[in-house]
Each structure stands twice: as structure tokens, then as C-alpha cells.
Amino acid sequence: MGARRGASVLEVRGFTKKFGDFVAVDSLSFEVRRGDVYGFLGPNGSGKSTTIRAVFGLVEPTEGEIRLLGRQAGGPGGREGVAGFVDAPGFYDYLSARDNLKVLAAADRRKGEPPMARVLETVGLLGRERDKVKTYSTGMKQRLAIASALLREPEVLILDEPTNGLDPGGMRDVRALIRRLNEDSLTIFLSSHLLAEVEQLCNRVAVIGHGRLLAEGTIAEVVGGDNGRPGYRLVVDDAKGALRILEGGTHVTGASVADAESSDGLGGEEIRLAVGPEGPGPVVRDLVAGGVAVLALVPARPSLEDLFLELTEERS
């Protein structure tokens, strides 16, 4: 593909879009790198679809700039090497899947024979390609939409809510397909309001709300614990005694301790704490030496959902 993994393929710099007095997107900036499955996460109405339309050159920025594979989005050759869909893709229900793809390939006016059989096999529809689309399930139609994008043999695939409206089986199939495509060196920009989907699929994420960027980075960076230190849930038989030992500051270097809380179902009282680079071992040793029984030690990395709710509620 020519460029090294990690090079920028999509740069959004200060993108603002106004519709009259309404500000749909406000000074949005982020970067997608080659090889990413990049999650673009936000609730409905947050500006995700407006941003994707601008990336495709369908919406002109009021302010700012969007560059795609080094070219200005919407400019000459702006869509070369890029494919995908925004909102729900539509097909002719009375035509077969193969005929729908032929129509789309002809409209695209690309040179050469489109790789019809290959993309149908990739999305798991080979053998059903002559069936009319009206006989397809919602999940099959979504995979057909991805097939239509793959006809362009893109370097960057942009998907807007690809599992929206699917049953659990359909969601599983589309997620598995996205993973395979990324393993085959395709960079994927995935817009979604589904927190679990982004956390399962994406290595980097931007969280937006009300058209503004709320957080960006790797999943670990975005949901990182106290000052980036590993967090744990510690269940003990004597929380007050444990806190006296830990808060003394002479036993555990770099540990910080939250208030003790009752723990449901783990048979003890819970303490939340973040530890330094030495890990949780010294904490456990100090507690045992001080006569406190450690019943459980569980990593307590906050979820993307926790962060999303915190950010959107703070700025609503």
C-alpha cells in the first residue's frame, strides 16, 4: 500500500459546521492512522454523521480542514482510496445482490473489472449472490453494503453505525468481518453509539458530544485509571484496618486509596485503590502482615461506558 503503518490517513483540524445559527460540529480535531480501527463514539445527534459527510465531501466545512490520504476531502481525487457509507445504505430489493453490485460498480466508473466474486466471498454472501435482496436479512444487507464499499478496493473503509438494527447474531457476524478486514491491512473508521462495540473492536477512539471532542486516544488512554496507574478492587475482611495500614504511607510506595465500600457478593468489604509501578504485591503483603485477610484482588479498569457517561453528563 506504499505508506508505513501508523502514518496519518485522515486528519480533521478545527472542523466546524453550522446550519444557520445551529452549530452541528464545533472545532473538532482528531487523527486516524494507517492500520487503526478508529472508533468515533457519540450519542445520536452528537455530530457523527455530519462529520462523516464532510469526510466524504458531501458537506462543506464552515471552518477548518479535513484531509484524507493527504488530499483535501471533497477536492479533486478526494475520495480515491476511500469507501464506505453514511446512514443506512439502500439497495434495489427487486434485484439480486450481484446485480445491485453491478449497478453500483457501473455508477462508480472505475477502470477494470470489479472484484465481484472476491468481495462476495469476503462478506460471506457467495452462494446467495443471485438471490433478490428483498429475501435478505438485515444483517445480510449490512454485509452487502460493506461488499459494495469493498468493490472500490479502498485503503480506508468508513462505516456509519454498521451494526445498527441487527440482532445479536448479525452484530457478531459484522464485528467478525470488521476484524478480518483490519487484519488484511484495511484502515477502518467506525462511527457508533454502541459503547461495547467500540471497546471490542477499536484500538483508538474519539468521544464526541454536542459536536465537540470530549476525549481522544487509545482505549487504555481514554479509560485509564487514577493518573494512568493501574486500578484494583481489593476485598478484605476488615476495611477500616486495611485503610489504617495503607494510609499510613510507610508501607506502600505510590499507592493511593479510595474510601472503603460495601462489596456485594464477594464476602467482604471493598477498597478501590491505584498502585505504583511495583504493582499490587506490596499492598497484599502489608495487609497480610498487619493481620488483614485479603479475600479478592480484581483489576478495576473503568469501562468506556463509565467514561462516556461521565464526559457527556459533565458537559451537557
C-alpha atoms as a PDB file:
ATOM      1  CA  MET A   1       0.000   0.000   0.000  1.00  0.00           C
ATOM      2  CA  GLY A   2       3.025   2.244  -0.082  1.00  0.00           C
ATOM      3  CA  ALA A   3       2.813   4.052   3.257  1.00  0.00           C
ATOM      4  CA  ARG A   4       4.065   2.736   6.540  1.00  0.00           C
ATOM      5  CA  ARG A   5       1.672   1.545   9.230  1.00  0.00           C
ATOM      6  CA  GLY A   6       0.957   4.391  11.630  1.00  0.00           C
ATOM      7  CA  ALA A   7       1.099   7.219   9.069  1.00  0.00           C
ATOM      8  CA  SER A   8      -1.884   9.576   9.110  1.00  0.00           C
ATOM      9  CA  VAL A   9      -4.701   8.714   6.687  1.00  0.00           C
ATOM     10  CA  LEU A  10      -7.406  11.081   7.992  1.00  0.00           C
ATOM     11  CA  GLU A  11      -6.758  14.465   9.587  1.00  0.00           C
ATOM     12  CA  VAL A  12      -9.610  16.578  10.922  1.00  0.00           C
ATOM     13  CA  ARG A  13      -8.396  20.007  12.019  1.00  0.00           C
ATOM     14  CA  GLY A  14     -10.718  22.559  13.628  1.00  0.00           C
ATOM     15  CA  PHE A  15     -13.735  21.268  11.696  1.00  0.00           C
ATOM     16  CA  THR A  16     -16.835  23.357  12.358  1.00  0.00           C
ATOM     17  CA  LYS A  17     -20.179  23.007  10.588  1.00  0.00           C
ATOM     18  CA  LYS A  18     -23.039  25.432  11.075  1.00  0.00           C
ATOM     19  CA  PHE A  19     -26.533  25.192   9.643  1.00  0.00           C
ATOM     20  CA  GLY A  20     -27.783  28.730  10.045  1.00  0.00           C
ATOM     21  CA  ASP A  21     -27.430  29.533  13.748  1.00  0.00           C
ATOM     22  CA  PHE A  22     -27.200  25.855  14.708  1.00  0.00           C
ATOM     23  CA  VAL A  23     -23.666  24.572  15.355  1.00  0.00           C
ATOM     24  CA  ALA A  24     -23.675  20.863  14.458  1.00  0.00           C
ATOM     25  CA  VAL A  25     -19.914  20.389  14.928  1.00  0.00           C
ATOM     26  CA  ASP A  26     -17.672  22.763  16.849  1.00  0.00           C
ATOM     27  CA  SER A  27     -13.876  22.958  16.276  1.00  0.00           C
ATOM     28  CA  LEU A  28     -13.422  19.188  16.037  1.00  0.00           C
ATOM     29  CA  SER A  29      -9.878  17.798  15.637  1.00  0.00           C
ATOM     30  CA  PHE A  30      -8.629  14.206  15.547  1.00  0.00           C
ATOM     31  CA  GLU A  31      -6.352  11.926  13.511  1.00  0.00           C
ATOM     32  CA  VAL A  32      -6.758   8.400  12.156  1.00  0.00           C
ATOM     33  CA  ARG A  33      -3.574   6.436  11.420  1.00  0.00           C
ATOM     34  CA  ARG A  34      -2.954   3.658   8.955  1.00  0.00           C
ATOM     35  CA  GLY A  35      -3.864   0.283  10.467  1.00  0.00           C
ATOM     36  CA  ASP A  36      -6.327   1.707  13.013  1.00  0.00           C
ATOM     37  CA  VAL A  37      -9.793   0.534  13.771  1.00  0.00           C
ATOM     38  CA  TYR A  38     -10.741   4.007  14.920  1.00  0.00           C
ATOM     39  CA  GLY A  39     -13.923   4.399  16.935  1.00  0.00           C
ATOM     40  CA  PHE A  40     -15.936   7.592  16.516  1.00  0.00           C
ATOM     41  CA  LEU A  41     -18.219   7.433  19.510  1.00  0.00           C
ATOM     42  CA  GLY A  42     -21.098   9.658  20.477  1.00  0.00           C
ATOM     43  CA  PRO A  43     -24.832   9.635  21.139  1.00  0.00           C
ATOM     44  CA  ASN A  44     -27.334  10.232  18.365  1.00  0.00           C
ATOM     45  CA  GLY A  45     -27.290  13.908  17.405  1.00  0.00           C
ATOM     46  CA  SER A  46     -23.691  14.441  18.531  1.00  0.00           C
ATOM     47  CA  GLY A  47     -22.392  15.368  15.055  1.00  0.00           C
ATOM     48  CA  LYS A  48     -21.028  11.998  13.936  1.00  0.00           C
ATOM     49  CA  SER A  49     -22.941  11.749  10.652  1.00  0.00           C
ATOM     50  CA  THR A  50     -22.275  15.399   9.787  1.00  0.00           C
ATOM     51  CA  THR A  51     -18.553  14.781  10.251  1.00  0.00           C
ATOM     52  CA  ILE A  52     -18.632  11.662   8.067  1.00  0.00           C
ATOM     53  CA  ARG A  53     -20.493  13.530   5.319  1.00  0.00           C
ATOM     54  CA  ALA A  54     -17.770  16.163   5.427  1.00  0.00           C
ATOM     55  CA  VAL A  55     -15.093  13.463   5.171  1.00  0.00           C
ATOM     56  CA  PHE A  56     -16.828  12.152   2.034  1.00  0.00           C
ATOM     57  CA  GLY A  57     -17.013  15.687   0.659  1.00  0.00           C
ATOM     58  CA  LEU A  58     -20.814  15.770   0.868  1.00  0.00           C
ATOM     59  CA  VAL A  59     -20.792  18.642   3.374  1.00  0.00           C
ATOM     60  CA  GLU A  60     -18.515  21.658   3.129  1.00  0.00           C
ATOM     61  CA  PRO A  61     -16.884  22.808   6.389  1.00  0.00           C
ATOM     62  CA  THR A  62     -17.891  26.200   7.713  1.00  0.00           C
ATOM     63  CA  GLU A  63     -14.416  26.383   9.228  1.00  0.00           C
ATOM     64  CA  GLY A  64     -11.414  24.081   9.460  1.00  0.00           C
ATOM     65  CA  GLU A  65      -9.934  21.437   7.199  1.00  0.00           C
ATOM     66  CA  ILE A  66     -10.285  17.713   6.537  1.00  0.00           C
ATOM     67  CA  ARG A  67      -7.528  15.806   4.712  1.00  0.00           C
ATOM     68  CA  LEU A  68      -7.946  12.236   3.564  1.00  0.00           C
ATOM     69  CA  LEU A  69      -4.891  10.277   2.381  1.00  0.00           C
ATOM     70  CA  GLY A  70      -3.080  13.589   2.063  1.00  0.00           C
ATOM     71  CA  ARG A  71      -5.756  15.232  -0.095  1.00  0.00           C
ATOM     72  CA  GLN A  72      -8.416  17.736   0.817  1.00  0.00           C
ATOM     73  CA  ALA A  73     -11.744  15.990   1.390  1.00  0.00           C
ATOM     74  CA  GLY A  74     -14.153  16.978  -1.354  1.00  0.00           C
ATOM     75  CA  GLY A  75     -11.357  18.217  -3.603  1.00  0.00           C
ATOM     76  CA  PRO A  76     -10.077  16.611  -6.830  1.00  0.00           C
ATOM     77  CA  GLY A  77      -9.469  12.904  -6.184  1.00  0.00           C
ATOM     78  CA  GLY A  78     -10.622  13.394  -2.593  1.00  0.00           C
ATOM     79  CA  ARG A  79     -12.410  10.025  -2.455  1.00  0.00           C
ATOM     80  CA  GLU A  80      -9.703   7.971  -4.167  1.00  0.00           C
ATOM     81  CA  GLY A  81      -8.684   5.084  -1.917  1.00  0.00           C
ATOM     82  CA  VAL A  82     -11.687   5.613   0.377  1.00  0.00           C
ATOM     83  CA  ALA A  83     -15.062   3.877   0.526  1.00  0.00           C
ATOM     84  CA  GLY A  84     -17.919   3.327   2.928  1.00  0.00           C
ATOM     85  CA  PHE A  85     -21.380   4.567   3.745  1.00  0.00           C
ATOM     86  CA  VAL A  86     -23.159   7.114   5.884  1.00  0.00           C
ATOM     87  CA  ASP A  87     -26.601   6.316   7.334  1.00  0.00           C
ATOM     88  CA  ALA A  88     -28.380   3.177   6.160  1.00  0.00           C
ATOM     89  CA  PRO A  89     -27.297   2.122   2.662  1.00  0.00           C
ATOM     90  CA  GLY A  90     -30.087   1.459   0.163  1.00  0.00           C
ATOM     91  CA  PHE A  91     -30.461  -1.279  -2.448  1.00  0.00           C
ATOM     92  CA  TYR A  92     -32.934  -2.258  -5.142  1.00  0.00           C
ATOM     93  CA  ASP A  93     -34.899  -5.002  -3.391  1.00  0.00           C
ATOM     94  CA  TYR A  94     -36.182  -6.494  -6.666  1.00  0.00           C
ATOM     95  CA  LEU A  95     -32.618  -7.057  -7.922  1.00  0.00           C
ATOM     96  CA  SER A  96     -30.179  -9.732  -6.822  1.00  0.00           C
ATOM     97  CA  ALA A  97     -27.199  -8.849  -4.665  1.00  0.00           C
ATOM     98  CA  ARG A  98     -24.918  -9.380  -7.651  1.00  0.00           C
ATOM     99  CA  ASP A  99     -26.990  -7.086  -9.871  1.00  0.00           C
ATOM    100  CA  ASN A 100     -27.040  -4.416  -7.173  1.00  0.00           C
ATOM    101  CA  LEU A 101     -23.263  -4.550  -7.037  1.00  0.00           C
ATOM    102  CA  LYS A 102     -23.086  -4.306 -10.840  1.00  0.00           C
ATOM    103  CA  VAL A 103     -25.222  -1.158 -10.769  1.00  0.00           C
ATOM    104  CA  LEU A 104     -23.027   0.418  -8.075  1.00  0.00           C
ATOM    105  CA  ALA A 105     -19.814  -0.551  -9.876  1.00  0.00           C
ATOM    106  CA  ALA A 106     -21.089   0.985 -13.124  1.00  0.00           C
ATOM    107  CA  ALA A 107     -22.069   4.207 -11.334  1.00  0.00           C
ATOM    108  CA  ASP A 108     -18.575   4.418  -9.817  1.00  0.00           C
ATOM    109  CA  ARG A 109     -16.990   4.398 -13.300  1.00  0.00           C
ATOM    110  CA  ARG A 110     -13.807   2.790 -12.086  1.00  0.00           C
ATOM    111  CA  LYS A 111     -11.484   1.228 -14.632  1.00  0.00           C
ATOM    112  CA  GLY A 112     -11.182  -2.536 -14.826  1.00  0.00           C
ATOM    113  CA  GLU A 113     -13.436  -5.398 -13.820  1.00  0.00           C
ATOM    114  CA  PRO A 114     -14.777  -5.031 -10.243  1.00  0.00           C
ATOM    115  CA  PRO A 115     -13.703  -7.894  -7.924  1.00  0.00           C
ATOM    116  CA  MET A 116     -17.287  -9.155  -7.549  1.00  0.00           C
ATOM    117  CA  ALA A 117     -16.670 -12.763  -6.507  1.00  0.00           C
ATOM    118  CA  ARG A 118     -13.883 -11.815  -4.109  1.00  0.00           C
ATOM    119  CA  VAL A 119     -15.887  -9.238  -2.169  1.00  0.00           C
ATOM    120  CA  LEU A 120     -18.937 -11.507  -2.004  1.00  0.00           C
ATOM    121  CA  GLU A 121     -16.752 -14.248  -0.569  1.00  0.00           C
ATOM    122  CA  THR A 122     -15.149 -11.798   1.868  1.00  0.00           C
ATOM    123  CA  VAL A 123     -18.512 -10.780   3.342  1.00  0.00           C
ATOM    124  CA  GLY A 124     -19.879 -14.335   3.368  1.00  0.00           C
ATOM    125  CA  LEU A 125     -22.516 -13.930   0.630  1.00  0.00           C
ATOM    126  CA  LEU A 126     -21.016 -16.121  -2.084  1.00  0.00           C
ATOM    127  CA  GLY A 127     -23.725 -18.645  -2.961  1.00  0.00           C
ATOM    128  CA  ARG A 128     -26.513 -16.171  -2.151  1.00  0.00           C
ATOM    129  CA  GLU A 129     -25.458 -13.513  -4.659  1.00  0.00           C
ATOM    130  CA  ARG A 130     -28.229 -14.396  -7.153  1.00  0.00           C
ATOM    131  CA  ASP A 131     -30.987 -14.129  -4.540  1.00  0.00           C
ATOM    132  CA  LYS A 132     -33.073 -10.977  -4.559  1.00  0.00           C
ATOM    133  CA  VAL A 133     -32.124  -8.529  -1.846  1.00  0.00           C
ATOM    134  CA  LYS A 134     -35.713  -8.487  -0.544  1.00  0.00           C
ATOM    135  CA  THR A 135     -35.071 -12.040   0.723  1.00  0.00           C
ATOM    136  CA  TYR A 136     -32.026 -10.912   2.735  1.00  0.00           C
ATOM    137  CA  SER A 137     -31.985 -10.416   6.479  1.00  0.00           C
ATOM    138  CA  THR A 138     -30.929  -7.042   7.884  1.00  0.00           C
ATOM    139  CA  GLY A 139     -27.507  -8.483   8.717  1.00  0.00           C
ATOM    140  CA  MET A 140     -27.035  -9.771   5.175  1.00  0.00           C
ATOM    141  CA  LYS A 141     -27.976  -6.359   3.769  1.00  0.00           C
ATOM    142  CA  GLN A 142     -25.405  -4.755   6.021  1.00  0.00           C
ATOM    143  CA  ARG A 143     -22.730  -7.170   4.809  1.00  0.00           C
ATOM    144  CA  LEU A 144     -23.805  -6.418   1.232  1.00  0.00           C
ATOM    145  CA  ALA A 145     -23.292  -2.714   1.990  1.00  0.00           C
ATOM    146  CA  ILE A 146     -19.750  -3.457   3.125  1.00  0.00           C
ATOM    147  CA  ALA A 147     -19.242  -5.530  -0.043  1.00  0.00           C
ATOM    148  CA  SER A 148     -20.318  -2.550  -2.157  1.00  0.00           C
ATOM    149  CA  ALA A 149     -17.665  -0.428  -0.449  1.00  0.00           C
ATOM    150  CA  LEU A 150     -15.002  -3.097  -0.925  1.00  0.00           C
ATOM    151  CA  LEU A 151     -15.603  -3.071  -4.689  1.00  0.00           C
ATOM    152  CA  ARG A 152     -13.549   0.134  -4.751  1.00  0.00           C
ATOM    153  CA  GLU A 153     -10.604  -1.755  -3.181  1.00  0.00           C
ATOM    154  CA  PRO A 154     -10.110   1.047  -0.652  1.00  0.00           C
ATOM    155  CA  GLU A 155      -7.266   1.739   1.746  1.00  0.00           C
ATOM    156  CA  VAL A 156      -9.682   3.348   4.211  1.00  0.00           C
ATOM    157  CA  LEU A 157     -13.153   1.988   4.967  1.00  0.00           C
ATOM    158  CA  ILE A 158     -15.650   4.341   6.656  1.00  0.00           C
ATOM    159  CA  LEU A 159     -18.627   2.712   8.356  1.00  0.00           C
ATOM    160  CA  ASP A 160     -21.518   4.604   9.944  1.00  0.00           C
ATOM    161  CA  GLU A 161     -23.334   2.525  12.591  1.00  0.00           C
ATOM    162  CA  PRO A 162     -22.629  -0.792  10.798  1.00  0.00           C
ATOM    163  CA  THR A 163     -24.476  -2.949  13.369  1.00  0.00           C
ATOM    164  CA  ASN A 164     -27.456  -0.653  13.852  1.00  0.00           C
ATOM    165  CA  GLY A 165     -30.724  -2.615  13.952  1.00  0.00           C
ATOM    166  CA  LEU A 166     -29.062  -6.034  13.862  1.00  0.00           C
ATOM    167  CA  ASP A 167     -29.881  -8.967  16.108  1.00  0.00           C
ATOM    168  CA  PRO A 168     -27.044 -10.429  18.238  1.00  0.00           C
ATOM    169  CA  GLY A 169     -26.110 -12.936  15.528  1.00  0.00           C
ATOM    170  CA  GLY A 170     -25.934 -10.245  12.868  1.00  0.00           C
ATOM    171  CA  MET A 171     -23.864  -7.998  15.131  1.00  0.00           C
ATOM    172  CA  ARG A 172     -21.436 -10.856  15.765  1.00  0.00           C
ATOM    173  CA  ASP A 173     -21.034 -11.516  12.037  1.00  0.00           C
ATOM    174  CA  VAL A 174     -20.399  -7.857  11.150  1.00  0.00           C
ATOM    175  CA  ARG A 175     -17.910  -7.432  14.003  1.00  0.00           C
ATOM    176  CA  ALA A 176     -16.036 -10.558  12.916  1.00  0.00           C
ATOM    177  CA  LEU A 177     -15.944  -9.201   9.365  1.00  0.00           C
ATOM    178  CA  ILE A 178     -14.520  -5.865  10.550  1.00  0.00           C
ATOM    179  CA  ARG A 179     -11.767  -7.663  12.467  1.00  0.00           C
ATOM    180  CA  ARG A 180     -10.836  -9.743   9.395  1.00  0.00           C
ATOM    181  CA  LEU A 181     -10.736  -6.692   7.144  1.00  0.00           C
ATOM    182  CA  ASN A 182      -8.437  -4.889   9.559  1.00  0.00           C
ATOM    183  CA  GLU A 183      -6.185  -7.935   9.807  1.00  0.00           C
ATOM    184  CA  ASP A 184      -5.916  -7.701   5.998  1.00  0.00           C
ATOM    185  CA  SER A 185      -4.386  -4.201   6.441  1.00  0.00           C
ATOM    186  CA  LEU A 186      -7.523  -2.149   5.869  1.00  0.00           C
ATOM    187  CA  THR A 187      -7.824   1.000   7.999  1.00  0.00           C
ATOM    188  CA  ILE A 188     -11.357   1.324   9.387  1.00  0.00           C
ATOM    189  CA  PHE A 189     -13.136   4.414  10.697  1.00  0.00           C
ATOM    190  CA  LEU A 190     -16.138   3.205  12.678  1.00  0.00           C
ATOM    191  CA  SER A 191     -18.875   5.569  13.820  1.00  0.00           C
ATOM    192  CA  SER A 192     -21.072   4.162  16.563  1.00  0.00           C
ATOM    193  CA  HIS A 193     -23.191   4.999  19.579  1.00  0.00           C
ATOM    194  CA  LEU A 194     -22.676   1.459  20.909  1.00  0.00           C
ATOM    195  CA  LEU A 195     -20.083   1.587  23.660  1.00  0.00           C
ATOM    196  CA  ALA A 196     -19.438  -2.149  23.826  1.00  0.00           C
ATOM    197  CA  GLU A 197     -18.887  -2.299  20.065  1.00  0.00           C
ATOM    198  CA  VAL A 198     -16.190   0.373  20.127  1.00  0.00           C
ATOM    199  CA  GLU A 199     -14.462  -1.193  23.124  1.00  0.00           C
ATOM    200  CA  GLN A 200     -14.426  -4.635  21.458  1.00  0.00           C
ATOM    201  CA  LEU A 201     -13.247  -3.544  18.013  1.00  0.00           C
ATOM    202  CA  CYS A 202     -11.243  -0.336  18.203  1.00  0.00           C
ATOM    203  CA  ASN A 203      -7.651   0.392  19.188  1.00  0.00           C
ATOM    204  CA  ARG A 204      -8.191   4.171  19.219  1.00  0.00           C
ATOM    205  CA  VAL A 205     -11.266   6.274  19.833  1.00  0.00           C
ATOM    206  CA  ALA A 206     -12.656   9.799  19.781  1.00  0.00           C
ATOM    207  CA  VAL A 207     -15.594  10.551  22.078  1.00  0.00           C
ATOM    208  CA  ILE A 208     -17.789  13.454  20.994  1.00  0.00           C
ATOM    209  CA  GLY A 209     -20.877  15.136  22.418  1.00  0.00           C
ATOM    210  CA  HIS A 210     -22.846  18.161  21.238  1.00  0.00           C
ATOM    211  CA  GLY A 211     -20.440  18.427  18.297  1.00  0.00           C
ATOM    212  CA  ARG A 212     -17.338  18.760  20.482  1.00  0.00           C
ATOM    213  CA  LEU A 213     -14.430  16.445  21.156  1.00  0.00           C
ATOM    214  CA  LEU A 214     -14.593  15.143  24.735  1.00  0.00           C
ATOM    215  CA  ALA A 215     -11.680  12.673  24.682  1.00  0.00           C
ATOM    216  CA  GLU A 216      -9.320  11.009  22.201  1.00  0.00           C
ATOM    217  CA  GLY A 217      -6.584   8.375  22.325  1.00  0.00           C
ATOM    218  CA  THR A 218      -6.086   4.646  22.686  1.00  0.00           C
ATOM    219  CA  ILE A 219      -8.762   2.782  24.613  1.00  0.00           C
ATOM    220  CA  ALA A 220      -6.302   2.439  27.511  1.00  0.00           C
ATOM    221  CA  GLU A 221      -5.543   6.174  27.497  1.00  0.00           C
ATOM    222  CA  VAL A 222      -9.172   7.200  27.297  1.00  0.00           C
ATOM    223  CA  VAL A 223     -10.391   4.906  30.073  1.00  0.00           C
ATOM    224  CA  GLY A 224      -7.141   4.963  32.112  1.00  0.00           C
ATOM    225  CA  GLY A 225      -7.425   4.948  35.869  1.00  0.00           C
ATOM    226  CA  ASP A 226      -6.088   7.316  38.523  1.00  0.00           C
ATOM    227  CA  ASN A 227      -3.262   9.267  36.855  1.00  0.00           C
ATOM    228  CA  GLY A 228      -2.768   6.344  34.468  1.00  0.00           C
ATOM    229  CA  ARG A 229      -1.838   3.967  37.308  1.00  0.00           C
ATOM    230  CA  PRO A 230      -3.411   0.503  37.408  1.00  0.00           C
ATOM    231  CA  GLY A 231      -6.609   0.380  39.471  1.00  0.00           C
ATOM    232  CA  TYR A 232      -7.790  -2.532  41.624  1.00  0.00           C
ATOM    233  CA  ARG A 233     -10.749  -3.623  43.709  1.00  0.00           C
ATOM    234  CA  LEU A 234      -9.452  -5.070  46.942  1.00  0.00           C
ATOM    235  CA  VAL A 235     -11.854  -7.152  49.059  1.00  0.00           C
ATOM    236  CA  VAL A 236     -10.835  -7.657  52.693  1.00  0.00           C
ATOM    237  CA  ASP A 237     -12.391  -8.814  55.955  1.00  0.00           C
ATOM    238  CA  ASP A 238     -11.586  -5.541  57.742  1.00  0.00           C
ATOM    239  CA  ALA A 239     -11.734  -2.410  55.590  1.00  0.00           C
ATOM    240  CA  LYS A 240     -11.047   0.012  58.431  1.00  0.00           C
ATOM    241  CA  GLY A 241      -7.963  -1.920  59.490  1.00  0.00           C
ATOM    242  CA  ALA A 242      -6.769  -2.115  55.885  1.00  0.00           C
ATOM    243  CA  LEU A 243      -7.152   1.627  55.417  1.00  0.00           C
ATOM    244  CA  ARG A 244      -5.184   2.345  58.571  1.00  0.00           C
ATOM    245  CA  ILE A 245      -2.299   0.277  57.193  1.00  0.00           C
ATOM    246  CA  LEU A 246      -2.428   1.706  53.655  1.00  0.00           C
ATOM    247  CA  GLU A 247      -2.989   5.325  54.590  1.00  0.00           C
ATOM    248  CA  GLY A 248      -0.057   5.273  56.983  1.00  0.00           C
ATOM    249  CA  GLY A 249       2.154   5.917  53.960  1.00  0.00           C
ATOM    250  CA  THR A 250       5.112   3.935  55.321  1.00  0.00           C
ATOM    251  CA  HIS A 251       4.329   0.550  53.848  1.00  0.00           C
ATOM    252  CA  VAL A 252       3.285   1.022  50.236  1.00  0.00           C
ATOM    253  CA  THR A 253       5.175   3.434  47.978  1.00  0.00           C
ATOM    254  CA  GLY A 254       2.993   5.091  45.369  1.00  0.00           C
ATOM    255  CA  ALA A 255      -0.328   3.575  46.440  1.00  0.00           C
ATOM    256  CA  SER A 256      -3.413   5.751  46.648  1.00  0.00           C
ATOM    257  CA  VAL A 257      -6.555   4.509  48.357  1.00  0.00           C
ATOM    258  CA  ALA A 258     -10.201   5.433  47.910  1.00  0.00           C
ATOM    259  CA  ASP A 259     -12.867   5.149  50.580  1.00  0.00           C
ATOM    260  CA  ALA A 260     -13.912   1.661  51.616  1.00  0.00           C
ATOM    261  CA  GLU A 261     -17.223   0.495  50.244  1.00  0.00           C
ATOM    262  CA  SER A 262     -19.500  -2.441  50.934  1.00  0.00           C
ATOM    263  CA  SER A 263     -18.994  -5.245  48.443  1.00  0.00           C
ATOM    264  CA  ASP A 264     -21.945  -7.289  47.226  1.00  0.00           C
ATOM    265  CA  GLY A 265     -21.392 -10.961  46.636  1.00  0.00           C
ATOM    266  CA  LEU A 266     -17.650 -11.131  47.324  1.00  0.00           C
ATOM    267  CA  GLY A 267     -17.916 -11.891  51.013  1.00  0.00           C
ATOM    268  CA  GLY A 268     -16.183  -8.825  52.420  1.00  0.00           C
ATOM    269  CA  GLU A 269     -15.650  -5.087  52.277  1.00  0.00           C
ATOM    270  CA  GLU A 270     -14.236  -3.436  49.184  1.00  0.00           C
ATOM    271  CA  ILE A 271     -11.463  -0.868  48.809  1.00  0.00           C
ATOM    272  CA  ARG A 272     -10.661   0.787  45.499  1.00  0.00           C
ATOM    273  CA  LEU A 273      -7.042   1.760  45.037  1.00  0.00           C
ATOM    274  CA  ALA A 274      -4.445   2.667  42.432  1.00  0.00           C
ATOM    275  CA  VAL A 275      -0.914   1.334  42.781  1.00  0.00           C
ATOM    276  CA  GLY A 276       2.516   2.430  41.647  1.00  0.00           C
ATOM    277  CA  PRO A 277       4.918   0.665  39.265  1.00  0.00           C
ATOM    278  CA  GLU A 278       5.698  -2.030  41.839  1.00  0.00           C
ATOM    279  CA  GLY A 279       2.196  -3.435  41.352  1.00  0.00           C
ATOM    280  CA  PRO A 280      -0.271  -4.715  43.959  1.00  0.00           C
ATOM    281  CA  GLY A 281       2.102  -7.243  45.587  1.00  0.00           C
ATOM    282  CA  PRO A 282       3.409  -4.927  48.349  1.00  0.00           C
ATOM    283  CA  VAL A 283      -0.163  -3.917  49.206  1.00  0.00           C
ATOM    284  CA  VAL A 284      -1.208  -7.508  49.751  1.00  0.00           C
ATOM    285  CA  ARG A 285       1.928  -8.350  51.748  1.00  0.00           C
ATOM    286  CA  ASP A 286       1.476  -5.343  54.042  1.00  0.00           C
ATOM    287  CA  LEU A 287      -2.151  -6.155  54.698  1.00  0.00           C
ATOM    288  CA  VAL A 288      -1.460  -9.808  55.484  1.00  0.00           C
ATOM    289  CA  ALA A 289       1.428  -8.802  57.779  1.00  0.00           C
ATOM    290  CA  GLY A 290      -0.962  -6.405  59.530  1.00  0.00           C
ATOM    291  CA  GLY A 291      -3.497  -9.155  60.195  1.00  0.00           C
ATOM    292  CA  VAL A 292      -5.982  -8.252  57.436  1.00  0.00           C
ATOM    293  CA  ALA A 293      -7.299 -11.129  55.327  1.00  0.00           C
ATOM    294  CA  VAL A 294      -7.295 -10.372  51.563  1.00  0.00           C
ATOM    295  CA  LEU A 295     -10.301 -12.134  50.045  1.00  0.00           C
ATOM    296  CA  ALA A 296     -10.003 -10.905  46.456  1.00  0.00           C
ATOM    297  CA  LEU A 297      -7.908  -8.611  44.261  1.00  0.00           C
ATOM    298  CA  VAL A 298      -9.553  -7.687  40.961  1.00  0.00           C
ATOM    299  CA  PRO A 299      -8.385  -5.262  38.236  1.00  0.00           C
ATOM    300  CA  ALA A 300     -10.814  -2.348  38.153  1.00  0.00           C
ATOM    301  CA  ARG A 301     -10.199  -0.625  34.813  1.00  0.00           C
ATOM    302  CA  PRO A 302     -13.147   1.698  34.226  1.00  0.00           C
ATOM    303  CA  SER A 303     -15.216   0.853  31.177  1.00  0.00           C
ATOM    304  CA  LEU A 304     -15.635   3.053  28.154  1.00  0.00           C
ATOM    305  CA  GLU A 305     -19.273   3.336  29.189  1.00  0.00           C
ATOM    306  CA  ASP A 306     -18.279   4.804  32.566  1.00  0.00           C
ATOM    307  CA  LEU A 307     -16.123   7.396  30.849  1.00  0.00           C
ATOM    308  CA  PHE A 308     -18.700   8.191  28.186  1.00  0.00           C
ATOM    309  CA  LEU A 309     -21.438   8.830  30.719  1.00  0.00           C
ATOM    310  CA  GLU A 310     -19.110  10.896  32.880  1.00  0.00           C
ATOM    311  CA  LEU A 311     -17.963  13.084  29.973  1.00  0.00           C
ATOM    312  CA  THR A 312     -21.356  13.604  28.381  1.00  0.00           C
ATOM    313  CA  GLU A 313     -23.082  14.328  31.707  1.00  0.00           C
ATOM    314  CA  GLU A 314     -20.360  16.782  32.728  1.00  0.00           C
ATOM    315  CA  ARG A 315     -20.720  18.797  29.502  1.00  0.00           C
ATOM    316  CA  SER A 316     -24.432  18.521  28.813  1.00  0.00           C
END
